[in-house]
Amino acid sequence: MIKTFVSPSTGFGSQKLDFDRSCMKLKPRTVSMELTITQPDDWHLHLRDGDLLHAVVPHSASNFRRAIVMPNLKPPVTTTSAAITYRESIMKALPHGSSFDPLMTLYLTDKTHPDEIKLARESGVVYAVKLYPAGATTNSQDGVTDLFGKCLPVLEEMVKQNMPLLVHGEVTDPSIDVFDREKIFIETVLQPLIQRLPQLKVVMEHITTMDAVNFVESCKEGNVGATVTPQHLLLNRNALFQGGLQPHNYCLPVLKREIHREAIVKAVTSGSKKFFLGTDSAPHERRRKETSCGCAGIYSAPIALSLYAKVFDEAGALDKLEAFTSFNGPDFYGLPRNSSKVTLKKVPLKVPEAFSFSFGEIIPMFAGETLQWQPFFE
């Protein structure tokens, strides 16, 4: 439910004018809004390991009830046993009393065996398998080189086990323009995959193009979905170069043209059940971003809910926010919706310039800027 409150104010911002007949002057009144929704989950999250894990997991745990945790560590999480061990590390790093539930994934390789999918399903902690085309993004060098030639038995077992395949949707052929790699992946890999295994549940992760929107919308509801990040809703590729090279706006898949950003905003604010929240929050130390060969990844976890509220508010679609953030994801995965609530209030939130830790700094998305929505938890 969206609520609007009006209170006296001498400041600026969102105001209405109140006519005071006693002195025949106009008095400004601040208009505040709040929206209470079911607590969201993050269906695409990077928590890393070691010091980085301990640094960033409280940010996600304080905003989200559950998260699908990506497996691209060094070494990657390729087995159910490794996923269980990684989950134990995450649980130990959580703040005391946290109810955050990490949902684990396996890293698909050319050598993954169908029996591993059975073990994953039986474990009760592994919820999906992640496809990284080899060389597509951070720590993807161990990814798949030939999906149909080497992984088909695994994919067939995933259909039997109702185990979703999470797809980083880019080809890695160096002759393909980096801005076209998602489009070509859909045409050469994803469409043939869906045609060959129509019952396979697929999530196209962090979509970036109109082509991905059109593809997902063309597929059967419940079988193909897509996660959408705050950066691909709020930024286009100009953000990489405005005022100089901006390493903290660099992610993979890379930001695209404005027409693609607009298409994604239209899709997620339409009320479609096929799109859901996935931050792809990907922390790197500042020194690894601001270097001659910087890492890909944008860190959004601490302010993600404020960013998504900004998108839906500016689109005039706040009534569609809860479904996108809190319903569509668990419905796709066949999991119960959360019972906890969060209230988003339209009050200014200053984003920190940096988060400082013993090992260095992490720069968040929109560092130093002021957002207009802030989450408050019951």
Protein backbone atom coordinates (compact mmCIF):
# COMPACT_ATOMS: atom_id res chain seq x y z
CA MET A 1 0.00 0.00 0.00
CA ILE A 2 1.30 3.44 -0.96
CA LYS A 3 0.73 6.12 1.68
CA THR A 4 1.22 9.86 1.33
CA PHE A 5 1.78 12.16 4.32
CA VAL A 6 1.84 15.95 4.40
CA SER A 7 3.72 17.80 7.13
CA PRO A 8 4.85 21.41 7.70
CA SER A 9 8.31 22.20 6.45
CA THR A 10 10.58 25.15 5.95
CA GLY A 11 12.94 23.18 3.78
CA PHE A 12 12.94 22.33 0.12
CA GLY A 13 12.30 19.12 -1.76
CA SER A 14 8.94 17.55 -2.51
CA GLN A 15 6.47 20.22 -1.40
CA LYS A 16 2.88 21.34 -1.68
CA LEU A 17 1.78 24.90 -1.04
CA ASP A 18 -0.74 25.55 1.74
CA PHE A 19 -2.70 28.81 1.53
CA ASP A 20 -2.66 30.60 4.93
CA ARG A 21 -5.64 32.97 4.97
CA SER A 22 -4.55 34.68 8.21
CA CYS A 23 -1.50 36.25 6.62
CA MET A 24 -2.38 35.76 2.95
CA LYS A 25 0.87 33.90 2.26
CA LEU A 26 1.69 30.53 0.79
CA LYS A 27 3.34 28.12 3.22
CA PRO A 28 5.31 25.14 1.92
CA ARG A 29 4.43 21.69 3.21
CA THR A 30 6.59 18.62 2.66
CA VAL A 31 4.90 15.61 1.07
CA SER A 32 6.33 12.28 2.14
CA MET A 33 5.45 8.87 0.77
CA GLU A 34 5.91 5.35 2.03
CA LEU A 35 5.31 1.93 0.58
CA THR A 36 5.19 -1.32 2.56
CA ILE A 37 6.06 -4.46 0.62
CA THR A 38 6.99 -8.08 1.27
CA GLN A 39 10.71 -8.33 2.00
CA PRO A 40 12.57 -8.98 -1.28
CA ASP A 41 15.08 -11.66 -2.19
CA ASP A 42 18.14 -11.20 -4.38
CA TRP A 43 18.11 -13.77 -7.17
CA HIS A 44 21.65 -13.03 -8.39
CA LEU A 45 24.36 -12.15 -5.86
CA HIS A 46 28.13 -12.36 -5.56
CA LEU A 47 29.38 -12.73 -1.99
CA ARG A 48 32.99 -13.74 -2.78
CA ASP A 49 34.93 -15.45 0.02
CA GLY A 50 37.55 -14.67 2.65
CA ASP A 51 37.77 -11.05 3.83
CA LEU A 52 35.46 -9.82 1.09
CA LEU A 53 32.72 -12.23 2.16
CA HIS A 54 32.90 -11.05 5.76
CA ALA A 55 32.84 -7.43 4.60
CA VAL A 56 29.86 -7.55 2.26
CA VAL A 57 27.48 -10.24 3.50
CA PRO A 58 25.99 -7.99 6.23
CA HIS A 59 24.84 -5.54 3.53
CA SER A 60 22.86 -8.19 1.68
CA ALA A 61 21.63 -9.84 4.88
CA SER A 62 20.22 -6.54 6.16
CA ASN A 63 18.15 -5.96 3.01
CA PHE A 64 17.20 -9.36 1.61
CA ARG A 65 15.70 -12.48 3.15
CA ARG A 66 17.27 -14.92 0.65
CA ALA A 67 19.76 -14.78 -2.20
CA ILE A 68 20.91 -17.00 -5.03
CA VAL A 69 24.67 -17.03 -4.49
CA MET A 70 26.94 -17.21 -7.53
CA PRO A 71 29.58 -19.98 -7.61
CA ASN A 72 32.44 -18.26 -9.51
CA LEU A 73 35.04 -18.42 -6.76
CA LYS A 74 38.67 -19.51 -7.11
CA PRO A 75 38.41 -22.48 -7.37
CA PRO A 76 34.79 -22.50 -8.59
CA VAL A 77 31.99 -24.25 -6.70
CA THR A 78 31.55 -27.25 -9.01
CA THR A 79 30.26 -29.89 -6.59
CA THR A 80 27.50 -30.20 -4.04
CA SER A 81 30.09 -30.83 -1.35
CA ALA A 82 31.83 -27.56 -2.22
CA ALA A 83 28.49 -25.72 -2.22
CA ILE A 84 27.70 -27.00 1.27
CA THR A 85 31.14 -25.90 2.51
CA TYR A 86 30.72 -22.47 0.94
CA ARG A 87 27.28 -22.09 2.52
CA GLU A 88 28.76 -22.89 5.94
CA SER A 89 31.32 -20.11 5.41
CA ILE A 90 28.55 -17.66 4.55
CA MET A 91 26.51 -18.63 7.61
CA LYS A 92 29.53 -18.08 9.87
CA ALA A 93 30.06 -14.61 8.37
CA LEU A 94 26.48 -13.46 8.99
CA PRO A 95 25.71 -10.97 11.75
CA HIS A 96 24.39 -12.54 14.95
CA GLY A 97 20.68 -13.22 14.76
CA SER A 98 20.43 -12.82 10.99
CA SER A 99 17.74 -14.84 9.22
CA PHE A 100 19.39 -14.49 5.81
CA ASP A 101 19.23 -17.72 3.79
CA PRO A 102 21.88 -18.26 1.08
CA LEU A 103 20.58 -20.43 -1.77
CA MET A 104 23.55 -22.15 -3.37
CA THR A 105 24.42 -22.85 -7.00
CA LEU A 106 26.82 -25.09 -8.89
CA TYR A 107 29.27 -23.93 -11.53
CA LEU A 108 28.68 -25.89 -14.74
CA THR A 109 31.77 -27.20 -16.52
CA ASP A 110 32.48 -29.49 -19.47
CA LYS A 111 33.15 -32.24 -16.91
CA THR A 112 30.04 -31.92 -14.72
CA HIS A 113 28.35 -35.34 -14.34
CA PRO A 114 24.57 -35.89 -14.27
CA ASP A 115 24.93 -37.62 -10.89
CA GLU A 116 26.08 -34.29 -9.45
CA ILE A 117 22.70 -32.82 -10.32
CA LYS A 118 20.97 -35.59 -8.39
CA LEU A 119 23.21 -34.90 -5.39
CA ALA A 120 22.49 -31.20 -5.67
CA ARG A 121 18.74 -31.72 -5.62
CA GLU A 122 18.97 -34.13 -2.69
CA SER A 123 21.14 -31.71 -0.69
CA GLY A 124 18.35 -29.23 -0.01
CA VAL A 125 20.79 -26.31 -0.26
CA VAL A 126 21.57 -26.17 -4.02
CA TYR A 127 18.85 -24.49 -6.04
CA ALA A 128 20.33 -23.97 -9.51
CA VAL A 129 23.28 -24.51 -11.86
CA LYS A 130 25.13 -21.57 -13.41
CA LEU A 131 26.30 -21.54 -17.02
CA TYR A 132 29.34 -19.36 -17.64
CA PRO A 133 30.62 -19.50 -21.21
CA ALA A 134 34.37 -19.87 -20.75
CA GLY A 135 35.98 -16.43 -20.50
CA ALA A 136 32.74 -14.44 -20.36
CA THR A 137 33.23 -12.71 -17.00
CA THR A 138 35.04 -12.77 -13.64
CA ASN A 139 36.46 -16.22 -12.81
CA SER A 140 34.79 -17.87 -15.79
CA GLN A 141 37.91 -19.49 -17.24
CA ASP A 142 36.66 -22.90 -16.08
CA GLY A 143 33.29 -22.42 -17.77
CA VAL A 144 31.62 -24.31 -20.58
CA THR A 145 33.30 -24.53 -23.99
CA ASP A 146 30.69 -26.68 -25.80
CA LEU A 147 27.22 -26.68 -24.24
CA PHE A 148 25.54 -29.14 -26.59
CA GLY A 149 28.56 -31.35 -27.21
CA LYS A 150 29.66 -31.80 -23.59
CA CYS A 151 26.78 -30.84 -21.28
CA LEU A 152 23.62 -32.28 -22.82
CA PRO A 153 23.33 -35.26 -20.41
CA VAL A 154 23.63 -32.84 -17.48
CA LEU A 155 20.96 -30.55 -18.93
CA GLU A 156 18.64 -33.53 -19.45
CA GLU A 157 19.12 -34.54 -15.81
CA MET A 158 18.34 -30.95 -14.76
CA VAL A 159 14.99 -31.26 -16.53
CA LYS A 160 14.28 -34.46 -14.57
CA GLN A 161 15.27 -32.81 -11.29
CA ASN A 162 13.48 -29.52 -12.07
CA MET A 163 16.79 -27.73 -11.49
CA PRO A 164 17.01 -24.28 -13.14
CA LEU A 165 19.86 -23.30 -15.42
CA LEU A 166 21.11 -19.77 -14.77
CA VAL A 167 22.68 -18.33 -17.89
CA HIS A 168 25.32 -15.67 -18.37
CA GLY A 169 24.07 -14.86 -21.84
CA GLU A 170 27.07 -13.76 -23.88
CA VAL A 171 29.16 -15.43 -26.55
CA THR A 172 32.91 -15.14 -26.08
CA ASP A 173 34.09 -15.16 -29.69
CA PRO A 174 36.56 -12.24 -29.84
CA SER A 175 35.39 -11.43 -33.37
CA ILE A 176 31.90 -10.52 -32.02
CA ASP A 177 31.47 -6.91 -30.92
CA VAL A 178 31.17 -6.73 -27.12
CA PHE A 179 27.86 -4.84 -27.42
CA ASP A 180 26.37 -7.59 -29.61
CA ARG A 181 27.36 -10.63 -27.57
CA GLU A 182 24.04 -11.00 -25.75
CA LYS A 183 22.04 -10.81 -28.96
CA ILE A 184 24.24 -13.40 -30.69
CA PHE A 185 24.09 -15.69 -27.65
CA ILE A 186 20.30 -15.69 -27.79
CA GLU A 187 20.32 -16.55 -31.49
CA THR A 188 23.04 -19.22 -31.44
CA VAL A 189 22.75 -20.82 -27.98
CA LEU A 190 19.64 -19.92 -26.02
CA GLN A 191 16.97 -20.32 -28.70
CA PRO A 192 18.36 -23.71 -29.82
CA LEU A 193 18.59 -24.79 -26.17
CA ILE A 194 14.94 -23.97 -25.45
CA GLN A 195 13.86 -25.68 -28.66
CA ARG A 196 15.83 -28.81 -27.78
CA LEU A 197 14.83 -28.92 -24.09
CA PRO A 198 11.54 -26.99 -23.81
CA GLN A 199 10.94 -28.20 -20.23
CA LEU A 200 14.27 -26.89 -18.92
CA LYS A 201 13.78 -23.99 -16.52
CA VAL A 202 16.11 -21.17 -17.58
CA VAL A 203 16.92 -17.80 -16.03
CA MET A 204 18.62 -15.37 -18.35
CA GLU A 205 20.71 -13.45 -15.87
CA HIS A 206 21.28 -9.68 -15.76
CA ILE A 207 19.67 -8.95 -19.13
CA THR A 208 20.94 -5.85 -20.91
CA THR A 209 19.19 -5.56 -24.27
CA MET A 210 15.87 -5.16 -26.01
CA ASP A 211 16.69 -8.47 -27.71
CA ALA A 212 16.75 -10.25 -24.32
CA VAL A 213 13.47 -8.63 -23.29
CA ASN A 214 11.81 -9.77 -26.51
CA PHE A 215 13.20 -13.28 -26.16
CA VAL A 216 12.03 -13.72 -22.57
CA GLU A 217 8.60 -12.32 -23.38
CA SER A 218 8.28 -14.79 -26.27
CA CYS A 219 8.89 -17.82 -24.04
CA LYS A 220 6.41 -19.81 -22.01
CA GLU A 221 5.73 -18.30 -18.60
CA GLY A 222 7.23 -20.37 -15.80
CA ASN A 223 9.95 -21.91 -17.97
CA VAL A 224 12.07 -18.87 -18.87
CA GLY A 225 12.61 -15.84 -16.66
CA ALA A 226 15.16 -13.06 -16.29
CA THR A 227 16.90 -11.18 -13.51
CA VAL A 228 17.44 -7.46 -13.87
CA THR A 229 20.09 -5.35 -12.15
CA PRO A 230 19.83 -1.76 -10.90
CA GLN A 231 22.67 -0.65 -13.18
CA HIS A 232 20.99 -1.88 -16.34
CA LEU A 233 17.79 -0.09 -15.31
CA LEU A 234 19.45 3.21 -14.40
CA LEU A 235 22.58 3.55 -16.54
CA ASN A 236 23.45 3.35 -20.22
CA ARG A 237 26.89 3.00 -21.75
CA ASN A 238 27.53 6.75 -21.59
CA ALA A 239 28.00 6.26 -17.83
CA LEU A 240 31.28 4.50 -18.58
CA PHE A 241 32.86 7.60 -20.07
CA GLN A 242 31.18 10.73 -18.68
CA GLY A 243 33.81 12.98 -17.13
CA GLY A 244 36.52 10.45 -17.91
CA LEU A 245 36.73 6.66 -17.68
CA GLN A 246 34.45 5.44 -14.85
CA PRO A 247 35.72 2.04 -13.64
CA HIS A 248 33.03 1.69 -10.98
CA ASN A 249 30.37 1.68 -13.70
CA TYR A 250 32.09 -1.16 -15.54
CA CYS A 251 30.33 -4.53 -15.35
CA LEU A 252 29.72 -7.57 -17.52
CA PRO A 253 27.54 -7.76 -19.45
CA VAL A 254 28.57 -4.21 -20.25
CA LEU A 255 26.08 -1.33 -20.17
CA LYS A 256 24.25 -0.79 -23.46
CA ARG A 257 22.55 1.98 -25.47
CA GLU A 258 19.69 4.04 -24.02
CA ILE A 259 17.12 2.28 -26.22
CA HIS A 260 17.98 -0.99 -24.47
CA ARG A 261 17.79 0.53 -21.00
CA GLU A 262 14.35 1.96 -21.82
CA ALA A 263 13.14 -1.42 -23.08
CA ILE A 264 14.23 -3.13 -19.85
CA VAL A 265 12.54 -0.48 -17.69
CA LYS A 266 9.34 -0.90 -19.69
CA ALA A 267 9.47 -4.67 -19.24
CA VAL A 268 10.02 -4.73 -15.48
CA THR A 269 7.44 -2.01 -14.78
CA SER A 270 4.81 -3.67 -16.98
CA GLY A 271 3.74 -6.17 -14.32
CA SER A 272 5.11 -9.16 -16.25
CA LYS A 273 5.84 -12.16 -14.02
CA LYS A 274 8.87 -13.14 -16.10
CA PHE A 275 11.24 -10.51 -14.68
CA PHE A 276 12.58 -10.36 -11.13
CA LEU A 277 15.17 -8.71 -8.94
CA GLY A 278 18.76 -9.83 -9.23
CA THR A 279 21.32 -7.20 -8.23
CA ASP A 280 24.43 -8.92 -9.61
CA SER A 281 26.09 -6.98 -6.80
CA ALA A 282 29.75 -7.78 -7.36
CA PRO A 283 32.27 -6.33 -4.90
CA HIS A 284 35.90 -5.69 -5.76
CA GLU A 285 38.52 -3.81 -3.80
CA ARG A 286 39.00 -0.26 -5.05
CA ARG A 287 42.56 -0.95 -6.16
CA ARG A 288 41.32 -3.78 -8.39
CA LYS A 289 38.84 -1.48 -10.10
CA GLU A 290 41.05 1.60 -10.45
CA THR A 291 43.92 -0.02 -12.31
CA SER A 292 45.23 -0.50 -15.83
CA CYS A 293 43.13 -3.66 -16.24
CA GLY A 294 40.19 -3.23 -13.90
CA CYS A 295 37.74 -5.91 -12.76
CA ALA A 296 34.13 -6.02 -13.95
CA GLY A 297 31.44 -5.60 -11.32
CA ILE A 298 29.26 -2.98 -9.65
CA TYR A 299 28.62 -3.06 -5.91
CA SER A 300 24.97 -2.24 -5.23
CA ALA A 301 23.88 -4.44 -2.31
CA PRO A 302 23.75 -1.72 0.39
CA ILE A 303 21.46 0.56 -1.66
CA ALA A 304 19.75 -1.84 -4.05
CA LEU A 305 16.23 -1.40 -2.69
CA SER A 306 16.57 2.38 -2.90
CA LEU A 307 17.72 2.07 -6.51
CA TYR A 308 14.86 -0.19 -7.59
CA ALA A 309 12.36 2.12 -5.86
CA LYS A 310 13.85 5.00 -7.83
CA VAL A 311 13.26 3.15 -11.11
CA PHE A 312 9.64 2.30 -10.38
CA ASP A 313 8.89 5.72 -8.92
CA GLU A 314 10.24 7.52 -11.98
CA ALA A 315 8.23 5.18 -14.22
CA GLY A 316 5.04 5.87 -12.26
CA ALA A 317 4.79 2.17 -11.42
CA LEU A 318 5.29 1.86 -7.67
CA ASP A 319 2.25 -0.43 -7.59
CA LYS A 320 4.27 -2.95 -9.63
CA LEU A 321 7.39 -2.85 -7.43
CA GLU A 322 6.42 -5.57 -4.94
CA ALA A 323 5.74 -8.20 -7.58
CA PHE A 324 9.11 -7.55 -9.23
CA THR A 325 11.12 -7.49 -6.00
CA SER A 326 9.27 -10.02 -3.86
CA PHE A 327 6.86 -12.30 -5.77
CA ASN A 328 8.13 -13.17 -9.26
CA GLY A 329 11.42 -14.69 -8.11
CA PRO A 330 10.12 -17.15 -5.50
CA ASP A 331 7.18 -18.02 -7.75
CA PHE A 332 9.57 -18.95 -10.57
CA TYR A 333 11.73 -21.08 -8.25
CA GLY A 334 8.69 -22.69 -6.65
CA LEU A 335 9.55 -21.32 -3.20
CA PRO A 336 7.23 -19.66 -0.67
CA ARG A 337 7.02 -15.89 -0.63
CA ASN A 338 8.50 -14.19 2.43
CA SER A 339 6.26 -13.20 5.33
CA SER A 340 8.49 -10.37 6.59
CA LYS A 341 7.89 -6.80 5.45
CA VAL A 342 9.92 -3.72 4.57
CA THR A 343 8.69 -0.14 4.37
CA LEU A 344 10.23 2.11 1.75
CA LYS A 345 10.00 5.77 2.71
CA LYS A 346 10.65 8.67 0.40
CA VAL A 347 13.33 10.34 2.49
CA PRO A 348 16.82 11.32 1.30
CA LEU A 349 19.60 8.76 1.59
CA LYS A 350 23.20 9.85 1.09
CA VAL A 351 25.24 7.05 -0.46
CA PRO A 352 28.69 6.69 1.18
CA GLU A 353 31.70 7.64 -0.91
CA ALA A 354 33.25 4.31 0.05
CA PHE A 355 33.00 1.41 2.49
CA SER A 356 36.30 1.01 4.33
CA PHE A 357 37.66 -2.28 5.63
CA SER A 358 41.00 -3.52 6.95
CA PHE A 359 41.96 -4.79 3.49
CA GLY A 360 40.92 -1.66 1.58
CA GLU A 361 37.85 0.10 0.22
CA ILE A 362 34.80 -0.90 -1.82
CA ILE A 363 33.10 1.83 -3.86
CA PRO A 364 29.32 1.45 -4.11
CA MET A 365 27.13 2.31 -7.06
CA PHE A 366 26.12 6.01 -7.05
CA ALA A 367 28.86 6.76 -4.50
CA GLY A 368 28.42 10.19 -2.91
CA GLU A 369 25.03 10.80 -4.50
CA THR A 370 21.69 11.26 -2.75
CA LEU A 371 18.84 8.84 -3.39
CA GLN A 372 15.22 9.56 -2.55
CA TRP A 373 14.03 6.25 -1.09
CA GLN A 374 15.15 4.44 2.05
CA PRO A 375 14.15 0.99 3.40
CA PHE A 376 13.01 0.48 7.01
CA PHE A 377 12.50 -3.01 8.39
CA GLU A 378 9.99 -4.24 10.95
